[in-house]
Amino acid sequence: GGFGLYVEAILGERLSHFEAVYYNHLEPGPDGPTLTFPHDELARGPYAICKAAVCERHGARAFAGDGSSDRSVGGAVPTVFAVRGSLLALHRNERGLPCVPFTTFDEVLAHLEVPDR
């Protein structure tokens, strides 16, 4: 979720570890930014890209997130990684829902035993 402008910058070379990525586009321009939402088939409720829909599409085994929109994933995946101290971690902890806390994506990759981190 989010915009490619920062998703690509944050994940960098780690993008190669993902089966697919979905994000919206924000392009700066002389008259202000242009926003495009290229994944209409994944829009649900208030979300331009519903993360639960993405997990369902790919039969995801794990999900990593930090915010309130990540709560939509719920029980759609067996393993939920939540950024330490985030809204997602708080939500899951308050409800007794399991999650694996993390600070860096290296921790997530290590937990998933992804080689060549």
Protein backbone atom coordinates (compact mmCIF):
# COMPACT_ATOMS: atom_id res chain seq x y z
CA GLY A 1 0.00 0.00 0.00
CA GLY A 2 0.98 3.61 -0.36
CA PHE A 3 2.75 5.37 -3.20
CA GLY A 4 5.56 4.02 -5.34
CA LEU A 5 7.54 7.19 -4.75
CA TYR A 6 8.40 6.09 -1.21
CA VAL A 7 7.71 2.34 -1.34
CA GLU A 8 10.52 1.89 -3.85
CA ALA A 9 12.84 4.16 -1.85
CA ILE A 10 12.19 2.33 1.43
CA LEU A 11 12.41 -1.21 0.11
CA GLY A 12 15.10 -0.66 -2.51
CA GLU A 13 16.77 -3.93 -3.49
CA ARG A 14 14.43 -5.85 -1.17
CA LEU A 15 11.66 -5.44 -3.76
CA SER A 16 13.16 -8.46 -5.52
CA HIS A 17 12.02 -10.64 -2.59
CA PHE A 18 8.36 -9.92 -3.30
CA GLU A 19 6.18 -11.95 -5.64
CA ALA A 20 4.25 -8.79 -6.56
CA VAL A 21 3.95 -5.22 -5.37
CA TYR A 22 0.91 -2.97 -5.55
CA TYR A 23 0.99 0.74 -4.95
CA ASN A 24 -0.53 3.93 -6.21
CA HIS A 25 1.35 6.57 -8.13
CA LEU A 26 2.16 10.13 -7.14
CA GLU A 27 3.95 12.11 -9.79
CA PRO A 28 5.16 15.63 -9.02
CA GLY A 29 4.35 18.18 -11.70
CA PRO A 30 4.45 21.92 -12.34
CA ASP A 31 0.75 22.24 -11.46
CA GLY A 32 1.01 20.02 -8.39
CA PRO A 33 1.08 16.27 -7.93
CA THR A 34 -0.89 13.86 -10.08
CA LEU A 35 -2.36 10.84 -8.33
CA THR A 36 -3.30 7.61 -10.09
CA PHE A 37 -4.84 4.48 -8.63
CA PRO A 38 -4.11 1.67 -11.10
CA HIS A 39 -5.53 -1.29 -9.16
CA ASP A 40 -9.32 -0.85 -9.23
CA GLU A 41 -9.79 -4.61 -8.91
CA LEU A 42 -8.25 -4.47 -5.42
CA ALA A 43 -10.26 -1.52 -4.10
CA ARG A 44 -12.61 -2.29 -1.20
CA GLY A 45 -14.33 -0.01 1.24
CA PRO A 46 -12.23 3.08 1.91
CA TYR A 47 -9.04 1.55 0.49
CA ALA A 48 -7.69 2.17 -3.01
CA ILE A 49 -5.72 -1.04 -2.47
CA CYS A 50 -7.22 -3.35 0.14
CA LYS A 51 -4.41 -5.33 1.67
CA ALA A 52 -6.70 -8.26 2.51
CA ALA A 53 -7.66 -8.45 -1.20
CA VAL A 54 -3.98 -8.59 -2.16
CA CYS A 55 -3.32 -11.34 0.39
CA GLU A 56 -6.29 -13.33 -0.90
CA ARG A 57 -5.19 -12.89 -4.52
CA HIS A 58 -1.79 -14.37 -3.81
CA GLY A 59 -2.60 -16.85 -1.07
CA ALA A 60 -0.17 -14.96 1.16
CA ARG A 61 1.38 -16.78 4.10
CA ALA A 62 2.62 -13.63 5.82
CA PHE A 63 1.93 -9.91 5.99
CA ALA A 64 3.96 -7.01 7.40
CA GLY A 65 2.43 -3.69 8.33
CA ASP A 66 2.17 -0.83 10.77
CA GLY A 67 -1.01 1.15 10.32
CA SER A 68 -4.74 1.11 10.78
CA SER A 69 -5.42 0.10 7.15
CA ASP A 70 -3.36 -3.04 7.79
CA ARG A 71 -6.03 -4.26 10.20
CA SER A 72 -8.12 -5.31 7.18
CA VAL A 73 -5.81 -8.28 6.74
CA GLY A 74 -7.16 -9.78 9.97
CA GLY A 75 -7.13 -13.56 9.63
CA ALA A 76 -6.33 -13.56 5.91
CA VAL A 77 -2.76 -14.78 6.59
CA PRO A 78 -1.26 -17.13 9.17
CA THR A 79 1.60 -14.79 10.17
CA VAL A 80 1.26 -11.05 10.73
CA PHE A 81 4.37 -8.98 11.30
CA ALA A 82 3.71 -5.65 13.03
CA VAL A 83 6.18 -2.80 13.43
CA ARG A 84 7.06 -2.51 17.11
CA GLY A 85 4.89 0.13 18.79
CA SER A 86 2.71 0.67 15.71
CA LEU A 87 -1.07 1.01 15.46
CA LEU A 88 -1.24 -2.49 14.01
CA ALA A 89 0.79 -3.96 16.89
CA LEU A 90 -1.38 -2.15 19.43
CA HIS A 91 -4.60 -3.31 17.72
CA ARG A 92 -3.52 -6.94 17.61
CA ASN A 93 -2.11 -6.95 21.15
CA GLU A 94 -5.27 -5.38 22.60
CA ARG A 95 -7.38 -8.09 20.99
CA GLY A 96 -5.09 -10.98 21.84
CA LEU A 97 -4.30 -11.58 18.17
CA PRO A 98 -0.85 -12.97 17.43
CA CYS A 99 1.77 -10.92 15.63
CA VAL A 100 5.53 -10.94 15.24
CA PRO A 101 7.02 -7.57 16.19
CA PHE A 102 9.76 -6.13 13.98
CA THR A 103 11.78 -2.99 13.45
CA THR A 104 13.57 -3.75 10.18
CA PHE A 105 12.69 -5.81 7.12
CA ASP A 106 15.84 -7.83 7.74
CA GLU A 107 14.11 -9.21 10.85
CA VAL A 108 11.09 -10.22 8.77
CA LEU A 109 13.26 -11.87 6.13
CA ALA A 110 15.24 -13.73 8.79
CA HIS A 111 12.04 -14.97 10.45
CA LEU A 112 10.80 -16.20 7.05
CA GLU A 113 14.23 -17.74 6.39
CA VAL A 114 14.63 -15.84 3.12
CA PRO A 115 18.18 -16.40 1.80
CA ASP A 116 20.52 -13.70 0.53
CA ARG A 117 19.29 -10.89 2.74
